[in-house]
């Protein structure tokens, strides 16, 4: 795994820890958006990363997390949505790796 993605993972973990310390759903949304912004800034530094695919994945992940945090979406449905997002990024859509070769 690339060092850049370890940094993004570390930012996401720190954001989750901060979310556990704060008890306001509005603050959770702000924390999620700040984590997405920091992840964008980290990923932008490496020119070999496909920014479009990475930001689609991270943006979808953030959107699902916000919907679950605000109790608009159930946790189980959120997990299924994240699995669908992961499957879309890996196998489907117009961003298929096999078609790009």
PDB file of N, CA and C in Angstrom:
ATOM      1  N   UNK A   1       0.847  -1.177   0.000  1.00  0.00           N
ATOM      2  CA  UNK A   1       0.000   0.000   0.000  1.00  0.00           C
ATOM      3  C   UNK A   1       0.889   1.235   0.000  1.00  0.00           C
ATOM      4  N   UNK A   2       0.456   2.230  -0.709  1.00  0.00           N
ATOM      5  CA  UNK A   2       1.222   3.439  -0.865  1.00  0.00           C
ATOM      6  C   UNK A   2       1.256   4.239   0.441  1.00  0.00           C
ATOM      7  N   UNK A   3       2.356   4.927   0.668  1.00  0.00           N
ATOM      8  CA  UNK A   3       2.519   5.736   1.873  1.00  0.00           C
ATOM      9  C   UNK A   3       1.448   6.829   1.961  1.00  0.00           C
ATOM     10  N   UNK A   4       1.042   7.359   0.819  1.00  0.00           N
ATOM     11  CA  UNK A   4       0.012   8.394   0.796  1.00  0.00           C
ATOM     12  C   UNK A   4      -1.304   7.850   1.356  1.00  0.00           C
ATOM     13  N   UNK A   5      -1.658   6.614   0.974  1.00  0.00           N
ATOM     14  CA  UNK A   5      -2.911   6.040   1.459  1.00  0.00           C
ATOM     15  C   UNK A   5      -2.858   5.728   2.946  1.00  0.00           C
ATOM     16  N   UNK A   6      -1.660   5.434   3.481  1.00  0.00           N
ATOM     17  CA  UNK A   6      -1.531   5.272   4.928  1.00  0.00           C
ATOM     18  C   UNK A   6      -1.803   6.596   5.641  1.00  0.00           C
ATOM     19  N   UNK A   7      -1.365   7.687   5.050  1.00  0.00           N
ATOM     20  CA  UNK A   7      -1.630   9.001   5.636  1.00  0.00           C
ATOM     21  C   UNK A   7      -3.126   9.313   5.604  1.00  0.00           C
ATOM     22  N   UNK A   8      -3.790   8.979   4.493  1.00  0.00           N
ATOM     23  CA  UNK A   8      -5.239   9.197   4.405  1.00  0.00           C
ATOM     24  C   UNK A   8      -5.956   8.346   5.447  1.00  0.00           C
ATOM     25  N   UNK A   9      -5.537   7.094   5.594  1.00  0.00           N
ATOM     26  CA  UNK A   9      -6.138   6.220   6.599  1.00  0.00           C
ATOM     27  C   UNK A   9      -5.931   6.771   8.005  1.00  0.00           C
ATOM     28  N   UNK A  10      -4.746   7.319   8.278  1.00  0.00           N
ATOM     29  CA  UNK A  10      -4.472   7.899   9.593  1.00  0.00           C
ATOM     30  C   UNK A  10      -5.373   9.109   9.853  1.00  0.00           C
ATOM     31  N   UNK A  11      -5.595   9.937   8.843  1.00  0.00           N
ATOM     32  CA  UNK A  11      -6.486  11.092   9.001  1.00  0.00           C
ATOM     33  C   UNK A  11      -7.910  10.624   9.278  1.00  0.00           C
ATOM     34  N   UNK A  12      -8.349   9.567   8.608  1.00  0.00           N
ATOM     35  CA  UNK A  12      -9.692   9.042   8.828  1.00  0.00           C
ATOM     36  C   UNK A  12      -9.839   8.468  10.236  1.00  0.00           C
ATOM     37  N   UNK A  13      -8.814   7.818  10.740  1.00  0.00           N
ATOM     38  CA  UNK A  13      -8.855   7.268  12.097  1.00  0.00           C
ATOM     39  C   UNK A  13      -8.891   8.389  13.125  1.00  0.00           C
ATOM     40  N   UNK A  14      -8.071   9.422  12.935  1.00  0.00           N
ATOM     41  CA  UNK A  14      -8.084  10.561  13.860  1.00  0.00           C
ATOM     42  C   UNK A  14      -9.441  11.250  13.827  1.00  0.00           C
ATOM     43  N   UNK A  15     -10.038  11.377  12.642  1.00  0.00           N
ATOM     44  CA  UNK A  15     -11.372  11.964  12.543  1.00  0.00           C
ATOM     45  C   UNK A  15     -12.413  11.148  13.287  1.00  0.00           C
ATOM     46  N   UNK A  16     -12.303   9.822  13.220  1.00  0.00           N
ATOM     47  CA  UNK A  16     -13.230   8.966  13.951  1.00  0.00           C
ATOM     48  C   UNK A  16     -13.061   9.106  15.460  1.00  0.00           C
ATOM     49  N   UNK A  17     -11.824   9.224  15.914  1.00  0.00           N
ATOM     50  CA  UNK A  17     -11.579   9.415  17.345  1.00  0.00           C
ATOM     51  C   UNK A  17     -12.173  10.743  17.814  1.00  0.00           C
ATOM     52  N   UNK A  18     -12.003  11.791  17.019  1.00  0.00           N
ATOM     53  CA  UNK A  18     -12.571  13.092  17.382  1.00  0.00           C
ATOM     54  C   UNK A  18     -14.091  13.025  17.404  1.00  0.00           C
ATOM     55  N   UNK A  19     -14.684  12.269  16.472  1.00  0.00           N
ATOM     56  CA  UNK A  19     -16.145  12.135  16.455  1.00  0.00           C
ATOM     57  C   UNK A  19     -16.662  11.471  17.727  1.00  0.00           C
ATOM     58  N   UNK A  20     -15.901  10.540  18.291  1.00  0.00           N
ATOM     59  CA  UNK A  20     -16.322   9.907  19.536  1.00  0.00           C
ATOM     60  C   UNK A  20     -16.241  10.849  20.730  1.00  0.00           C
ATOM     61  N   UNK A  21     -15.404  11.858  20.643  1.00  0.00           N
ATOM     62  CA  UNK A  21     -15.270  12.818  21.738  1.00  0.00           C
ATOM     63  C   UNK A  21     -16.345  13.901  21.699  1.00  0.00           C
ATOM     64  N   UNK A  22     -16.927  14.142  20.536  1.00  0.00           N
ATOM     65  CA  UNK A  22     -17.931  15.190  20.350  1.00  0.00           C
ATOM     66  C   UNK A  22     -19.295  14.524  20.229  1.00  0.00           C
ATOM     67  N   UNK A  23     -20.316  15.122  20.809  1.00  0.00           N
ATOM     68  CA  UNK A  23     -21.631  14.492  20.836  1.00  0.00           C
ATOM     69  C   UNK A  23     -22.686  15.240  20.023  1.00  0.00           C
ATOM     70  N   UNK A  24     -22.267  16.028  19.068  1.00  0.00           N
ATOM     71  CA  UNK A  24     -23.206  16.792  18.249  1.00  0.00           C
ATOM     72  C   UNK A  24     -23.194  16.258  16.814  1.00  0.00           C
ATOM     73  N   UNK A  25     -24.341  15.862  16.281  1.00  0.00           N
ATOM     74  CA  UNK A  25     -24.381  15.374  14.892  1.00  0.00           C
ATOM     75  C   UNK A  25     -23.926  16.422  13.877  1.00  0.00           C
ATOM     76  N   UNK A  26     -24.189  17.688  14.138  1.00  0.00           N
ATOM     77  CA  UNK A  26     -23.728  18.732  13.230  1.00  0.00           C
ATOM     78  C   UNK A  26     -22.195  18.810  13.229  1.00  0.00           C
ATOM     79  N   UNK A  27     -21.593  18.645  14.377  1.00  0.00           N
ATOM     80  CA  UNK A  27     -20.130  18.631  14.462  1.00  0.00           C
ATOM     81  C   UNK A  27     -19.567  17.401  13.747  1.00  0.00           C
ATOM     82  N   UNK A  28     -20.290  16.284  13.791  1.00  0.00           N
ATOM     83  CA  UNK A  28     -19.835  15.085  13.081  1.00  0.00           C
ATOM     84  C   UNK A  28     -19.777  15.328  11.583  1.00  0.00           C
ATOM     85  N   UNK A  29     -20.770  16.046  11.069  1.00  0.00           N
ATOM     86  CA  UNK A  29     -20.784  16.362   9.637  1.00  0.00           C
ATOM     87  C   UNK A  29     -19.597  17.252   9.281  1.00  0.00           C
ATOM     88  N   UNK A  30     -19.336  18.244  10.120  1.00  0.00           N
ATOM     89  CA  UNK A  30     -18.206  19.139   9.876  1.00  0.00           C
ATOM     90  C   UNK A  30     -16.892  18.358   9.930  1.00  0.00           C
ATOM     91  N   UNK A  31     -16.749  17.454  10.881  1.00  0.00           N
ATOM     92  CA  UNK A  31     -15.536  16.646  10.994  1.00  0.00           C
ATOM     93  C   UNK A  31     -15.357  15.775   9.758  1.00  0.00           C
ATOM     94  N   UNK A  32     -16.434  15.170   9.276  1.00  0.00           N
ATOM     95  CA  UNK A  32     -16.353  14.340   8.069  1.00  0.00           C
ATOM     96  C   UNK A  32     -15.897  15.158   6.871  1.00  0.00           C
ATOM     97  N   UNK A  33     -16.438  16.369   6.727  1.00  0.00           N
ATOM     98  CA  UNK A  33     -16.056  17.208   5.594  1.00  0.00           C
ATOM     99  C   UNK A  33     -14.614  17.697   5.713  1.00  0.00           C
ATOM    100  N   UNK A  34     -14.164  17.972   6.930  1.00  0.00           N
ATOM    101  CA  UNK A  34     -12.768  18.366   7.133  1.00  0.00           C
ATOM    102  C   UNK A  34     -11.838  17.200   6.803  1.00  0.00           C
ATOM    103  N   UNK A  35     -12.208  15.998   7.189  1.00  0.00           N
ATOM    104  CA  UNK A  35     -11.401  14.816   6.875  1.00  0.00           C
ATOM    105  C   UNK A  35     -11.331  14.622   5.368  1.00  0.00           C
ATOM    106  N   UNK A  36     -12.450  14.816   4.668  1.00  0.00           N
ATOM    107  CA  UNK A  36     -12.443  14.707   3.203  1.00  0.00           C
ATOM    108  C   UNK A  36     -11.527  15.749   2.585  1.00  0.00           C
ATOM    109  N   UNK A  37     -11.564  16.975   3.089  1.00  0.00           N
ATOM    110  CA  UNK A  37     -10.685  18.023   2.572  1.00  0.00           C
ATOM    111  C   UNK A  37      -9.216  17.726   2.807  1.00  0.00           C
ATOM    112  N   UNK A  38      -8.891  17.235   3.983  1.00  0.00           N
ATOM    113  CA  UNK A  38      -7.497  16.892   4.282  1.00  0.00           C
ATOM    114  C   UNK A  38      -7.043  15.718   3.416  1.00  0.00           C
ATOM    115  N   UNK A  39      -7.920  14.747   3.214  1.00  0.00           N
ATOM    116  CA  UNK A  39      -7.576  13.614   2.346  1.00  0.00           C
ATOM    117  C   UNK A  39      -7.322  14.094   0.921  1.00  0.00           C
ATOM    118  N   UNK A  40      -8.124  15.044   0.450  1.00  0.00           N
ATOM    119  CA  UNK A  40      -7.902  15.606  -0.887  1.00  0.00           C
ATOM    120  C   UNK A  40      -6.537  16.279  -0.964  1.00  0.00           C
ATOM    121  N   UNK A  41      -6.191  17.054   0.050  1.00  0.00           N
ATOM    122  CA  UNK A  41      -4.895  17.733   0.042  1.00  0.00           C
ATOM    123  C   UNK A  41      -3.737  16.749   0.084  1.00  0.00           C
ATOM    124  N   UNK A  42      -3.896  15.657   0.805  1.00  0.00           N
ATOM    125  CA  UNK A  42      -2.844  14.636   0.863  1.00  0.00           C
ATOM    126  C   UNK A  42      -2.709  13.933  -0.481  1.00  0.00           C
ATOM    127  N   UNK A  43      -3.840  13.560  -1.073  1.00  0.00           N
ATOM    128  CA  UNK A  43      -3.793  12.840  -2.352  1.00  0.00           C
ATOM    129  C   UNK A  43      -3.302  13.714  -3.492  1.00  0.00           C
ATOM    130  N   UNK A  44      -3.544  14.992  -3.410  1.00  0.00           N
ATOM    131  CA  UNK A  44      -3.135  15.905  -4.474  1.00  0.00           C
ATOM    132  C   UNK A  44      -1.618  15.995  -4.613  1.00  0.00           C
ATOM    133  N   UNK A  45      -0.895  15.669  -3.554  1.00  0.00           N
ATOM    134  CA  UNK A  45       0.569  15.768  -3.588  1.00  0.00           C
ATOM    135  C   UNK A  45       1.212  14.713  -4.473  1.00  0.00           C
ATOM    136  N   UNK A  46       0.552  13.571  -4.668  1.00  0.00           N
ATOM    137  CA  UNK A  46       1.134  12.494  -5.469  1.00  0.00           C
ATOM    138  C   UNK A  46       0.537  12.534  -6.868  1.00  0.00           C
ATOM    139  N   UNK A  47       1.384  12.678  -7.870  1.00  0.00           N
ATOM    140  CA  UNK A  47       0.880  12.821  -9.236  1.00  0.00           C
ATOM    141  C   UNK A  47       0.518  11.494  -9.876  1.00  0.00           C
ATOM    142  N   UNK A  48       0.848  10.374  -9.261  1.00  0.00           N
ATOM    143  CA  UNK A  48       0.560   9.064  -9.836  1.00  0.00           C
ATOM    144  C   UNK A  48      -0.780   8.488  -9.383  1.00  0.00           C
ATOM    145  N   UNK A  49      -1.472   9.166  -8.500  1.00  0.00           N
ATOM    146  CA  UNK A  49      -2.762   8.684  -8.008  1.00  0.00           C
ATOM    147  C   UNK A  49      -3.869   9.176  -8.938  1.00  0.00           C
ATOM    148  N   UNK A  50      -4.793   8.283  -9.257  1.00  0.00           N
ATOM    149  CA  UNK A  50      -5.956   8.648 -10.061  1.00  0.00           C
ATOM    150  C   UNK A  50      -6.919   9.422  -9.156  1.00  0.00           C
ATOM    151  N   UNK A  51      -6.870  10.746  -9.275  1.00  0.00           N
ATOM    152  CA  UNK A  51      -7.648  11.594  -8.373  1.00  0.00           C
ATOM    153  C   UNK A  51      -9.146  11.413  -8.563  1.00  0.00           C
ATOM    154  N   UNK A  52      -9.585  11.173  -9.796  1.00  0.00           N
ATOM    155  CA  UNK A  52     -11.018  11.056 -10.036  1.00  0.00           C
ATOM    156  C   UNK A  52     -11.595   9.833  -9.325  1.00  0.00           C
ATOM    157  N   UNK A  53     -10.953   8.686  -9.488  1.00  0.00           N
ATOM    158  CA  UNK A  53     -11.434   7.474  -8.810  1.00  0.00           C
ATOM    159  C   UNK A  53     -11.315   7.593  -7.303  1.00  0.00           C
ATOM    160  N   UNK A  54     -10.213   8.158  -6.841  1.00  0.00           N
ATOM    161  CA  UNK A  54      -9.993   8.282  -5.402  1.00  0.00           C
ATOM    162  C   UNK A  54     -11.027   9.195  -4.756  1.00  0.00           C
ATOM    163  N   UNK A  55     -11.327  10.313  -5.407  1.00  0.00           N
ATOM    164  CA  UNK A  55     -12.285  11.249  -4.827  1.00  0.00           C
ATOM    165  C   UNK A  55     -13.716  10.747  -4.950  1.00  0.00           C
ATOM    166  N   UNK A  56     -14.016   9.968  -5.990  1.00  0.00           N
ATOM    167  CA  UNK A  56     -15.343   9.352  -6.060  1.00  0.00           C
ATOM    168  C   UNK A  56     -15.524   8.399  -4.886  1.00  0.00           C
ATOM    169  N   UNK A  57     -14.497   7.595  -4.613  1.00  0.00           N
ATOM    170  CA  UNK A  57     -14.584   6.664  -3.492  1.00  0.00           C
ATOM    171  C   UNK A  57     -14.678   7.404  -2.165  1.00  0.00           C
ATOM    172  N   UNK A  58     -13.788   8.360  -1.927  1.00  0.00           N
ATOM    173  CA  UNK A  58     -13.788   9.067  -0.649  1.00  0.00           C
ATOM    174  C   UNK A  58     -15.030   9.950  -0.485  1.00  0.00           C
ATOM    175  N   UNK A  59     -15.504  10.539  -1.570  1.00  0.00           N
ATOM    176  CA  UNK A  59     -16.725  11.338  -1.502  1.00  0.00           C
ATOM    177  C   UNK A  59     -17.945  10.479  -1.197  1.00  0.00           C
ATOM    178  N   UNK A  60     -18.022   9.309  -1.825  1.00  0.00           N
ATOM    179  CA  UNK A  60     -19.123   8.392  -1.523  1.00  0.00           C
ATOM    180  C   UNK A  60     -19.057   7.883  -0.100  1.00  0.00           C
ATOM    181  N   UNK A  61     -17.856   7.582   0.359  1.00  0.00           N
ATOM    182  CA  UNK A  61     -17.665   7.141   1.740  1.00  0.00           C
ATOM    183  C   UNK A  61     -18.100   8.229   2.717  1.00  0.00           C
ATOM    184  N   UNK A  62     -17.728   9.469   2.434  1.00  0.00           N
ATOM    185  CA  UNK A  62     -18.122  10.585   3.287  1.00  0.00           C
ATOM    186  C   UNK A  62     -19.628  10.793   3.266  1.00  0.00           C
ATOM    187  N   UNK A  63     -20.243  10.698   2.087  1.00  0.00           N
ATOM    188  CA  UNK A  63     -21.692  10.890   1.982  1.00  0.00           C
ATOM    189  C   UNK A  63     -22.447   9.837   2.792  1.00  0.00           C
ATOM    190  N   UNK A  64     -22.019   8.587   2.688  1.00  0.00           N
ATOM    191  CA  UNK A  64     -22.687   7.523   3.447  1.00  0.00           C
ATOM    192  C   UNK A  64     -22.478   7.729   4.945  1.00  0.00           C
ATOM    193  N   UNK A  65     -21.278   8.115   5.345  1.00  0.00           N
ATOM    194  CA  UNK A  65     -21.016   8.361   6.768  1.00  0.00           C
ATOM    195  C   UNK A  65     -21.865   9.506   7.306  1.00  0.00           C
ATOM    196  N   UNK A  66     -22.044  10.563   6.517  1.00  0.00           N
ATOM    197  CA  UNK A  66     -22.873  11.688   6.957  1.00  0.00           C
ATOM    198  C   UNK A  66     -24.324  11.251   7.095  1.00  0.00           C
ATOM    199  N   UNK A  67     -24.826  10.464   6.140  1.00  0.00           N
ATOM    200  CA  UNK A  67     -26.215  10.004   6.221  1.00  0.00           C
ATOM    201  C   UNK A  67     -26.435   9.101   7.432  1.00  0.00           C
ATOM    202  N   UNK A  68     -25.452   8.282   7.758  1.00  0.00           N
ATOM    203  CA  UNK A  68     -25.570   7.420   8.937  1.00  0.00           C
ATOM    204  C   UNK A  68     -25.459   8.247  10.216  1.00  0.00           C
ATOM    205  N   UNK A  69     -24.566   9.233  10.230  1.00  0.00           N
ATOM    206  CA  UNK A  69     -24.409  10.077  11.419  1.00  0.00           C
ATOM    207  C   UNK A  69     -25.675  10.870  11.728  1.00  0.00           C
ATOM    208  N   UNK A  70     -26.376  11.298  10.693  1.00  0.00           N
ATOM    209  CA  UNK A  70     -27.600  12.086  10.886  1.00  0.00           C
ATOM    210  C   UNK A  70     -28.840  11.212  11.042  1.00  0.00           C
ATOM    211  N   UNK A  71     -28.667   9.904  11.113  1.00  0.00           N
ATOM    212  CA  UNK A  71     -29.756   8.928  11.244  1.00  0.00           C
ATOM    213  C   UNK A  71     -30.762   8.992  10.096  1.00  0.00           C
ATOM    214  N   UNK A  72     -30.314   9.412   8.942  1.00  0.00           N
ATOM    215  CA  UNK A  72     -31.147   9.368   7.747  1.00  0.00           C
ATOM    216  C   UNK A  72     -31.102   7.960   7.160  1.00  0.00           C
ATOM    217  N   UNK A  73     -29.968   7.313   7.307  1.00  0.00           N
ATOM    218  CA  UNK A  73     -29.764   5.959   6.815  1.00  0.00           C
ATOM    219  C   UNK A  73     -29.392   5.060   7.993  1.00  0.00           C
ATOM    220  N   UNK A  74     -29.960   3.877   8.018  1.00  0.00           N
ATOM    221  CA  UNK A  74     -29.662   2.900   9.057  1.00  0.00           C
ATOM    222  C   UNK A  74     -28.213   2.417   8.908  1.00  0.00           C
ATOM    223  N   UNK A  75     -27.612   1.963   9.983  1.00  0.00           N
ATOM    224  CA  UNK A  75     -26.231   1.490   9.949  1.00  0.00           C
ATOM    225  C   UNK A  75     -26.023   0.299   9.040  1.00  0.00           C
ATOM    226  N   UNK A  76     -26.964  -0.637   9.041  1.00  0.00           N
ATOM    227  CA  UNK A  76     -26.840  -1.820   8.182  1.00  0.00           C
ATOM    228  C   UNK A  76     -26.943  -1.428   6.718  1.00  0.00           C
ATOM    229  N   UNK A  77     -27.876  -0.531   6.409  1.00  0.00           N
ATOM    230  CA  UNK A  77     -28.020  -0.056   5.030  1.00  0.00           C
ATOM    231  C   UNK A  77     -26.770   0.732   4.626  1.00  0.00           C
ATOM    232  N   UNK A  78     -26.201   1.463   5.556  1.00  0.00           N
ATOM    233  CA  UNK A  78     -24.959   2.187   5.289  1.00  0.00           C
ATOM    234  C   UNK A  78     -23.814   1.248   4.961  1.00  0.00           C
ATOM    235  N   UNK A  79     -23.713   0.147   5.704  1.00  0.00           N
ATOM    236  CA  UNK A  79     -22.671  -0.840   5.404  1.00  0.00           C
ATOM    237  C   UNK A  79     -22.879  -1.465   4.035  1.00  0.00           C
ATOM    238  N   UNK A  80     -24.121  -1.749   3.692  1.00  0.00           N
ATOM    239  CA  UNK A  80     -24.403  -2.288   2.360  1.00  0.00           C
ATOM    240  C   UNK A  80     -24.089  -1.271   1.264  1.00  0.00           C
ATOM    241  N   UNK A  81     -24.365  -0.006   1.530  1.00  0.00           N
ATOM    242  CA  UNK A  81     -24.038   1.041   0.562  1.00  0.00           C
ATOM    243  C   UNK A  81     -22.525   1.160   0.382  1.00  0.00           C
ATOM    244  N   UNK A  82     -21.763   1.026   1.460  1.00  0.00           N
ATOM    245  CA  UNK A  82     -20.306   1.070   1.346  1.00  0.00           C
ATOM    246  C   UNK A  82     -19.765  -0.121   0.574  1.00  0.00           C
ATOM    247  N   UNK A  83     -20.352  -1.297   0.777  1.00  0.00           N
ATOM    248  CA  UNK A  83     -19.946  -2.464  -0.011  1.00  0.00           C
ATOM    249  C   UNK A  83     -20.277  -2.274  -1.489  1.00  0.00           C
ATOM    250  N   UNK A  84     -21.434  -1.687  -1.767  1.00  0.00           N
ATOM    251  CA  UNK A  84     -21.806  -1.413  -3.159  1.00  0.00           C
ATOM    252  C   UNK A  84     -20.855  -0.392  -3.782  1.00  0.00           C
ATOM    253  N   UNK A  85     -20.473   0.622  -3.016  1.00  0.00           N
ATOM    254  CA  UNK A  85     -19.519   1.614  -3.506  1.00  0.00           C
ATOM    255  C   UNK A  85     -18.173   0.974  -3.804  1.00  0.00           C
ATOM    256  N   UNK A  86     -17.720   0.126  -2.922  1.00  0.00           N
ATOM    257  CA  UNK A  86     -16.451  -0.568  -3.131  1.00  0.00           C
ATOM    258  C   UNK A  86     -16.519  -1.471  -4.355  1.00  0.00           C
ATOM    259  N   UNK A  87     -17.620  -2.181  -4.531  1.00  0.00           N
ATOM    260  CA  UNK A  87     -17.781  -3.042  -5.711  1.00  0.00           C
ATOM    261  C   UNK A  87     -17.829  -2.211  -6.985  1.00  0.00           C
ATOM    262  N   UNK A  88     -18.492  -1.061  -6.938  1.00  0.00           N
ATOM    263  CA  UNK A  88     -18.560  -0.190  -8.109  1.00  0.00           C
ATOM    264  C   UNK A  88     -17.168   0.306  -8.499  1.00  0.00           C
ATOM    265  N   UNK A  89     -16.385   0.706  -7.505  1.00  0.00           N
ATOM    266  CA  UNK A  89     -15.041   1.206  -7.794  1.00  0.00           C
ATOM    267  C   UNK A  89     -14.146   0.083  -8.322  1.00  0.00           C
ATOM    268  N   UNK A  90     -14.289  -1.113  -7.766  1.00  0.00           N
ATOM    269  CA  UNK A  90     -13.401  -2.210  -8.170  1.00  0.00           C
ATOM    270  C   UNK A  90     -13.812  -2.864  -9.477  1.00  0.00           C
ATOM    271  N   UNK A  91     -15.111  -3.062  -9.702  1.00  0.00           N
ATOM    272  CA  UNK A  91     -15.543  -3.887 -10.825  1.00  0.00           C
ATOM    273  C   UNK A  91     -16.350  -3.166 -11.886  1.00  0.00           C
ATOM    274  N   UNK A  92     -17.047  -2.130 -11.542  1.00  0.00           N
ATOM    275  CA  UNK A  92     -18.014  -1.589 -12.477  1.00  0.00           C
ATOM    276  C   UNK A  92     -17.775  -0.154 -12.850  1.00  0.00           C
ATOM    277  N   UNK A  93     -18.766   0.391 -13.506  1.00  0.00           N
ATOM    278  CA  UNK A  93     -18.709   1.784 -13.882  1.00  0.00           C
ATOM    279  C   UNK A  93     -17.776   2.020 -15.045  1.00  0.00           C
ATOM    280  N   UNK A  94     -17.618   3.256 -15.406  1.00  0.00           N
ATOM    281  CA  UNK A  94     -16.741   3.569 -16.529  1.00  0.00           C
ATOM    282  C   UNK A  94     -15.279   3.650 -16.106  1.00  0.00           C
ATOM    283  N   UNK A  95     -15.003   3.393 -14.844  1.00  0.00           N
ATOM    284  CA  UNK A  95     -13.653   3.453 -14.330  1.00  0.00           C
ATOM    285  C   UNK A  95     -13.047   2.074 -14.151  1.00  0.00           C
ATOM    286  N   UNK A  96     -13.492   1.141 -14.959  1.00  0.00           N
ATOM    287  CA  UNK A  96     -13.021  -0.237 -14.839  1.00  0.00           C
ATOM    288  C   UNK A  96     -11.545  -0.312 -15.230  1.00  0.00           C
ATOM    289  N   UNK A  97     -10.747  -0.974 -14.423  1.00  0.00           N
ATOM    290  CA  UNK A  97      -9.310  -1.066 -14.668  1.00  0.00           C
ATOM    291  C   UNK A  97      -9.032  -1.886 -15.923  1.00  0.00           C
ATOM    292  N   UNK A  98      -9.792  -2.929 -16.146  1.00  0.00           N
ATOM    293  CA  UNK A  98      -9.553  -3.782 -17.314  1.00  0.00           C
ATOM    294  C   UNK A  98      -9.752  -3.031 -18.621  1.00  0.00           C
ATOM    295  N   UNK A  99     -10.652  -2.067 -18.650  1.00  0.00           N
ATOM    296  CA  UNK A  99     -10.890  -1.301 -19.869  1.00  0.00           C
ATOM    297  C   UNK A  99      -9.801  -0.262 -20.097  1.00  0.00           C
ATOM    298  N   UNK A 100      -9.080   0.129 -19.062  1.00  0.00           N
ATOM    299  CA  UNK A 100      -8.076   1.178 -19.199  1.00  0.00           C
ATOM    300  C   UNK A 100      -6.755   0.633 -19.705  1.00  0.00           C
ATOM    301  N   UNK A 101      -6.562  -0.665 -19.706  1.00  0.00           N
ATOM    302  CA  UNK A 101      -5.282  -1.232 -20.136  1.00  0.00           C
ATOM    303  C   UNK A 101      -5.192  -1.286 -21.634  1.00  0.00           C
TER     304      UNK A 101
END
